[in-house]
Amino acid sequence: MADEQTDWSAIVAAAAKAQGFTIPDAYQAGVAANLARIAVIAAAFRDRPLDDTTEPAPVFIP
């Protein structure tokens, strides 16, 4: 989903409309840029292959 063709501004506008709130014009570009960054970070996890025996950790230890 995260590529050069993704119109993050349109996604932000549609998501805000669907949730019933508005994002001031001064912040829309920043919100779109942050969403694009999040997509790049998420891709690192999304694209990592997991085998069928992978289980979640039972306890989070930082």
PDB file of N, CA and C in Angstrom:
ATOM      1  N   MET A   1       0.815  -1.201   0.000  1.00  0.00           N
ATOM      2  CA  MET A   1       0.000   0.000   0.000  1.00  0.00           C
ATOM      3  C   MET A   1       0.853   1.257   0.000  1.00  0.00           C
ATOM      4  N   ALA A   2       1.977   1.243   0.641  1.00  0.00           N
ATOM      5  CA  ALA A   2       2.823   2.433   0.721  1.00  0.00           C
ATOM      6  C   ALA A   2       3.741   2.487  -0.489  1.00  0.00           C
ATOM      7  N   ASP A   3       3.427   3.342  -1.415  1.00  0.00           N
ATOM      8  CA  ASP A   3       4.286   3.544  -2.561  1.00  0.00           C
ATOM      9  C   ASP A   3       4.142   4.975  -3.058  1.00  0.00           C
ATOM     10  N   GLU A   4       4.837   5.278  -4.139  1.00  0.00           N
ATOM     11  CA  GLU A   4       4.825   6.637  -4.656  1.00  0.00           C
ATOM     12  C   GLU A   4       3.451   7.029  -5.200  1.00  0.00           C
ATOM     13  N   GLN A   5       2.604   6.049  -5.500  1.00  0.00           N
ATOM     14  CA  GLN A   5       1.302   6.309  -6.101  1.00  0.00           C
ATOM     15  C   GLN A   5       0.204   6.592  -5.075  1.00  0.00           C
ATOM     16  N   THR A   6       0.469   6.344  -3.816  1.00  0.00           N
ATOM     17  CA  THR A   6      -0.553   6.505  -2.794  1.00  0.00           C
ATOM     18  C   THR A   6      -0.817   7.983  -2.528  1.00  0.00           C
ATOM     19  N   ASP A   7      -2.065   8.382  -2.591  1.00  0.00           N
ATOM     20  CA  ASP A   7      -2.464   9.756  -2.309  1.00  0.00           C
ATOM     21  C   ASP A   7      -2.859   9.852  -0.837  1.00  0.00           C
ATOM     22  N   TRP A   8      -1.875  10.085   0.006  1.00  0.00           N
ATOM     23  CA  TRP A   8      -2.100  10.099   1.450  1.00  0.00           C
ATOM     24  C   TRP A   8      -3.040  11.223   1.857  1.00  0.00           C
ATOM     25  N   SER A   9      -3.009  12.345   1.164  1.00  0.00           N
ATOM     26  CA  SER A   9      -3.917  13.450   1.490  1.00  0.00           C
ATOM     27  C   SER A   9      -5.370  13.039   1.285  1.00  0.00           C
ATOM     28  N   ALA A  10      -5.635  12.305   0.219  1.00  0.00           N
ATOM     29  CA  ALA A  10      -7.002  11.838  -0.033  1.00  0.00           C
ATOM     30  C   ALA A  10      -7.429  10.825   1.026  1.00  0.00           C
ATOM     31  N   ILE A  11      -6.504   9.967   1.438  1.00  0.00           N
ATOM     32  CA  ILE A  11      -6.821   8.980   2.474  1.00  0.00           C
ATOM     33  C   ILE A  11      -7.119   9.681   3.791  1.00  0.00           C
ATOM     34  N   VAL A  12      -6.319  10.676   4.141  1.00  0.00           N
ATOM     35  CA  VAL A  12      -6.545  11.434   5.376  1.00  0.00           C
ATOM     36  C   VAL A  12      -7.905  12.131   5.323  1.00  0.00           C
ATOM     37  N   ALA A  13      -8.209  12.759   4.204  1.00  0.00           N
ATOM     38  CA  ALA A  13      -9.491  13.464   4.069  1.00  0.00           C
ATOM     39  C   ALA A  13     -10.666  12.494   4.186  1.00  0.00           C
ATOM     40  N   ALA A  14     -10.567  11.344   3.526  1.00  0.00           N
ATOM     41  CA  ALA A  14     -11.650  10.355   3.576  1.00  0.00           C
ATOM     42  C   ALA A  14     -11.805   9.769   4.972  1.00  0.00           C
ATOM     43  N   ALA A  15     -10.695   9.490   5.641  1.00  0.00           N
ATOM     44  CA  ALA A  15     -10.758   8.923   6.993  1.00  0.00           C
ATOM     45  C   ALA A  15     -11.361   9.928   7.972  1.00  0.00           C
ATOM     46  N   ALA A  16     -10.967  11.179   7.857  1.00  0.00           N
ATOM     47  CA  ALA A  16     -11.525  12.210   8.738  1.00  0.00           C
ATOM     48  C   ALA A  16     -13.027  12.359   8.505  1.00  0.00           C
ATOM     49  N   LYS A  17     -13.417  12.365   7.240  1.00  0.00           N
ATOM     50  CA  LYS A  17     -14.844  12.490   6.915  1.00  0.00           C
ATOM     51  C   LYS A  17     -15.626  11.292   7.456  1.00  0.00           C
ATOM     52  N   ALA A  18     -15.082  10.098   7.289  1.00  0.00           N
ATOM     53  CA  ALA A  18     -15.763   8.887   7.749  1.00  0.00           C
ATOM     54  C   ALA A  18     -15.928   8.870   9.265  1.00  0.00           C
ATOM     55  N   GLN A  19     -14.989   9.496   9.968  1.00  0.00           N
ATOM     56  CA  GLN A  19     -15.045   9.513  11.426  1.00  0.00           C
ATOM     57  C   GLN A  19     -15.763  10.747  11.967  1.00  0.00           C
ATOM     58  N   GLY A  20     -16.160  11.640  11.073  1.00  0.00           N
ATOM     59  CA  GLY A  20     -16.953  12.780  11.472  1.00  0.00           C
ATOM     60  C   GLY A  20     -16.185  13.943  12.071  1.00  0.00           C
ATOM     61  N   PHE A  21     -14.930  14.091  11.715  1.00  0.00           N
ATOM     62  CA  PHE A  21     -14.199  15.264  12.194  1.00  0.00           C
ATOM     63  C   PHE A  21     -13.418  15.903  11.058  1.00  0.00           C
ATOM     64  N   THR A  22     -12.972  17.120  11.294  1.00  0.00           N
ATOM     65  CA  THR A  22     -12.208  17.833  10.280  1.00  0.00           C
ATOM     66  C   THR A  22     -10.791  18.072  10.784  1.00  0.00           C
ATOM     67  N   ILE A  23      -9.876  18.079   9.858  1.00  0.00           N
ATOM     68  CA  ILE A  23      -8.479  18.395  10.158  1.00  0.00           C
ATOM     69  C   ILE A  23      -8.223  19.761   9.547  1.00  0.00           C
ATOM     70  N   PRO A  24      -7.793  20.728  10.341  1.00  0.00           N
ATOM     71  CA  PRO A  24      -7.531  22.066   9.798  1.00  0.00           C
ATOM     72  C   PRO A  24      -6.534  22.009   8.636  1.00  0.00           C
ATOM     73  N   ASP A  25      -6.744  22.870   7.660  1.00  0.00           N
ATOM     74  CA  ASP A  25      -5.892  22.893   6.466  1.00  0.00           C
ATOM     75  C   ASP A  25      -4.407  22.976   6.806  1.00  0.00           C
ATOM     76  N   ALA A  26      -4.075  23.713   7.843  1.00  0.00           N
ATOM     77  CA  ALA A  26      -2.672  23.890   8.214  1.00  0.00           C
ATOM     78  C   ALA A  26      -2.011  22.583   8.651  1.00  0.00           C
ATOM     79  N   TYR A  27      -2.802  21.596   9.047  1.00  0.00           N
ATOM     80  CA  TYR A  27      -2.258  20.338   9.560  1.00  0.00           C
ATOM     81  C   TYR A  27      -2.390  19.170   8.591  1.00  0.00           C
ATOM     82  N   GLN A  28      -3.177  19.309   7.555  1.00  0.00           N
ATOM     83  CA  GLN A  28      -3.455  18.187   6.662  1.00  0.00           C
ATOM     84  C   GLN A  28      -2.200  17.617   6.013  1.00  0.00           C
ATOM     85  N   ALA A  29      -1.306  18.456   5.550  1.00  0.00           N
ATOM     86  CA  ALA A  29      -0.081  17.967   4.904  1.00  0.00           C
ATOM     87  C   ALA A  29       0.791  17.201   5.896  1.00  0.00           C
ATOM     88  N   GLY A  30       0.872  17.691   7.121  1.00  0.00           N
ATOM     89  CA  GLY A  30       1.658  17.005   8.149  1.00  0.00           C
ATOM     90  C   GLY A  30       1.065  15.664   8.530  1.00  0.00           C
ATOM     91  N   VAL A  31      -0.252  15.610   8.626  1.00  0.00           N
ATOM     92  CA  VAL A  31      -0.923  14.346   8.945  1.00  0.00           C
ATOM     93  C   VAL A  31      -0.681  13.341   7.817  1.00  0.00           C
ATOM     94  N   ALA A  32      -0.791  13.779   6.576  1.00  0.00           N
ATOM     95  CA  ALA A  32      -0.547  12.903   5.439  1.00  0.00           C
ATOM     96  C   ALA A  32       0.898  12.412   5.424  1.00  0.00           C
ATOM     97  N   ALA A  33       1.850  13.294   5.718  1.00  0.00           N
ATOM     98  CA  ALA A  33       3.266  12.907   5.750  1.00  0.00           C
ATOM     99  C   ALA A  33       3.522  11.882   6.851  1.00  0.00           C
ATOM    100  N   ASN A  34       2.908  12.077   8.012  1.00  0.00           N
ATOM    101  CA  ASN A  34       3.076  11.117   9.105  1.00  0.00           C
ATOM    102  C   ASN A  34       2.446   9.775   8.763  1.00  0.00           C
ATOM    103  N   LEU A  35       1.309   9.780   8.093  1.00  0.00           N
ATOM    104  CA  LEU A  35       0.677   8.535   7.676  1.00  0.00           C
ATOM    105  C   LEU A  35       1.572   7.789   6.689  1.00  0.00           C
ATOM    106  N   ALA A  36       2.202   8.510   5.783  1.00  0.00           N
ATOM    107  CA  ALA A  36       3.133   7.888   4.832  1.00  0.00           C
ATOM    108  C   ALA A  36       4.318   7.279   5.570  1.00  0.00           C
ATOM    109  N   ARG A  37       4.844   7.969   6.577  1.00  0.00           N
ATOM    110  CA  ARG A  37       5.950   7.422   7.381  1.00  0.00           C
ATOM    111  C   ARG A  37       5.529   6.152   8.108  1.00  0.00           C
ATOM    112  N   ILE A  38       4.334   6.176   8.678  1.00  0.00           N
ATOM    113  CA  ILE A  38       3.818   5.009   9.389  1.00  0.00           C
ATOM    114  C   ILE A  38       3.717   3.817   8.441  1.00  0.00           C
ATOM    115  N   ALA A  39       3.267   4.061   7.218  1.00  0.00           N
ATOM    116  CA  ALA A  39       3.143   2.981   6.237  1.00  0.00           C
ATOM    117  C   ALA A  39       4.501   2.375   5.902  1.00  0.00           C
ATOM    118  N   VAL A  40       5.525   3.211   5.803  1.00  0.00           N
ATOM    119  CA  VAL A  40       6.872   2.707   5.520  1.00  0.00           C
ATOM    120  C   VAL A  40       7.370   1.849   6.691  1.00  0.00           C
ATOM    121  N   ILE A  41       7.149   2.306   7.906  1.00  0.00           N
ATOM    122  CA  ILE A  41       7.565   1.543   9.085  1.00  0.00           C
ATOM    123  C   ILE A  41       6.792   0.227   9.155  1.00  0.00           C
ATOM    124  N   ALA A  42       5.491   0.276   8.928  1.00  0.00           N
ATOM    125  CA  ALA A  42       4.663  -0.927   8.990  1.00  0.00           C
ATOM    126  C   ALA A  42       5.065  -1.936   7.922  1.00  0.00           C
ATOM    127  N   ALA A  43       5.522  -1.464   6.771  1.00  0.00           N
ATOM    128  CA  ALA A  43       5.916  -2.370   5.695  1.00  0.00           C
ATOM    129  C   ALA A  43       7.049  -3.291   6.122  1.00  0.00           C
ATOM    130  N   ALA A  44       7.927  -2.813   6.977  1.00  0.00           N
ATOM    131  CA  ALA A  44       9.024  -3.650   7.460  1.00  0.00           C
ATOM    132  C   ALA A  44       8.493  -4.866   8.214  1.00  0.00           C
ATOM    133  N   PHE A  45       7.396  -4.705   8.919  1.00  0.00           N
ATOM    134  CA  PHE A  45       6.784  -5.813   9.646  1.00  0.00           C
ATOM    135  C   PHE A  45       5.883  -6.638   8.730  1.00  0.00           C
ATOM    136  N   ARG A  46       5.125  -5.950   7.899  1.00  0.00           N
ATOM    137  CA  ARG A  46       4.195  -6.625   6.997  1.00  0.00           C
ATOM    138  C   ARG A  46       4.927  -7.544   6.025  1.00  0.00           C
ATOM    139  N   ASP A  47       6.082  -7.128   5.563  1.00  0.00           N
ATOM    140  CA  ASP A  47       6.807  -7.876   4.535  1.00  0.00           C
ATOM    141  C   ASP A  47       7.711  -8.966   5.093  1.00  0.00           C
ATOM    142  N   ARG A  48       7.790  -9.081   6.397  1.00  0.00           N
ATOM    143  CA  ARG A  48       8.639 -10.108   6.998  1.00  0.00           C
ATOM    144  C   ARG A  48       7.895 -11.444   6.996  1.00  0.00           C
ATOM    145  N   PRO A  49       8.490 -12.456   6.413  1.00  0.00           N
ATOM    146  CA  PRO A  49       7.797 -13.743   6.362  1.00  0.00           C
ATOM    147  C   PRO A  49       7.772 -14.412   7.743  1.00  0.00           C
ATOM    148  N   LEU A  50       6.653 -15.029   8.038  1.00  0.00           N
ATOM    149  CA  LEU A  50       6.510 -15.803   9.267  1.00  0.00           C
ATOM    150  C   LEU A  50       6.141 -17.222   8.883  1.00  0.00           C
ATOM    151  N   ASP A  51       6.770 -18.180   9.536  1.00  0.00           N
ATOM    152  CA  ASP A  51       6.378 -19.547   9.221  1.00  0.00           C
ATOM    153  C   ASP A  51       5.141 -19.933  10.033  1.00  0.00           C
ATOM    154  N   ASP A  52       4.573 -21.052   9.709  1.00  0.00           N
ATOM    155  CA  ASP A  52       3.308 -21.464  10.313  1.00  0.00           C
ATOM    156  C   ASP A  52       3.412 -21.798  11.791  1.00  0.00           C
ATOM    157  N   THR A  53       4.623 -21.978  12.303  1.00  0.00           N
ATOM    158  CA  THR A  53       4.780 -22.343  13.716  1.00  0.00           C
ATOM    159  C   THR A  53       5.109 -21.154  14.607  1.00  0.00           C
ATOM    160  N   THR A  54       5.177 -19.959  14.037  1.00  0.00           N
ATOM    161  CA  THR A  54       5.502 -18.769  14.818  1.00  0.00           C
ATOM    162  C   THR A  54       4.371 -18.456  15.793  1.00  0.00           C
ATOM    163  N   GLU A  55       4.716 -18.291  17.058  1.00  0.00           N
ATOM    164  CA  GLU A  55       3.739 -17.982  18.099  1.00  0.00           C
ATOM    165  C   GLU A  55       4.077 -16.623  18.711  1.00  0.00           C
ATOM    166  N   PRO A  56       3.077 -15.886  19.197  1.00  0.00           N
ATOM    167  CA  PRO A  56       3.383 -14.624  19.871  1.00  0.00           C
ATOM    168  C   PRO A  56       4.062 -14.884  21.213  1.00  0.00           C
ATOM    169  N   ALA A  57       4.842 -13.924  21.650  1.00  0.00           N
ATOM    170  CA  ALA A  57       5.503 -14.054  22.948  1.00  0.00           C
ATOM    171  C   ALA A  57       4.458 -13.988  24.051  1.00  0.00           C
ATOM    172  N   PRO A  58       4.555 -14.847  25.068  1.00  0.00           N
ATOM    173  CA  PRO A  58       3.530 -14.850  26.136  1.00  0.00           C
ATOM    174  C   PRO A  58       3.649 -13.645  27.066  1.00  0.00           C
ATOM    175  N   VAL A  59       4.847 -13.068  27.166  1.00  0.00           N
ATOM    176  CA  VAL A  59       5.068 -11.930  28.059  1.00  0.00           C
ATOM    177  C   VAL A  59       5.961 -10.930  27.334  1.00  0.00           C
ATOM    178  N   PHE A  60       5.603  -9.645  27.431  1.00  0.00           N
ATOM    179  CA  PHE A  60       6.443  -8.606  26.847  1.00  0.00           C
ATOM    180  C   PHE A  60       7.556  -8.262  27.817  1.00  0.00           C
ATOM    181  N   ILE A  61       8.794  -8.398  27.366  1.00  0.00           N
ATOM    182  CA  ILE A  61       9.954  -8.024  28.178  1.00  0.00           C
ATOM    183  C   ILE A  61      10.764  -7.047  27.340  1.00  0.00           C
ATOM    184  N   PRO A  62      10.799  -5.772  27.741  1.00  0.00           N
ATOM    185  CA  PRO A  62      11.528  -4.783  26.945  1.00  0.00           C
ATOM    186  C   PRO A  62      13.028  -5.002  26.957  1.00  0.00           C
TER     187      PRO A  62
END
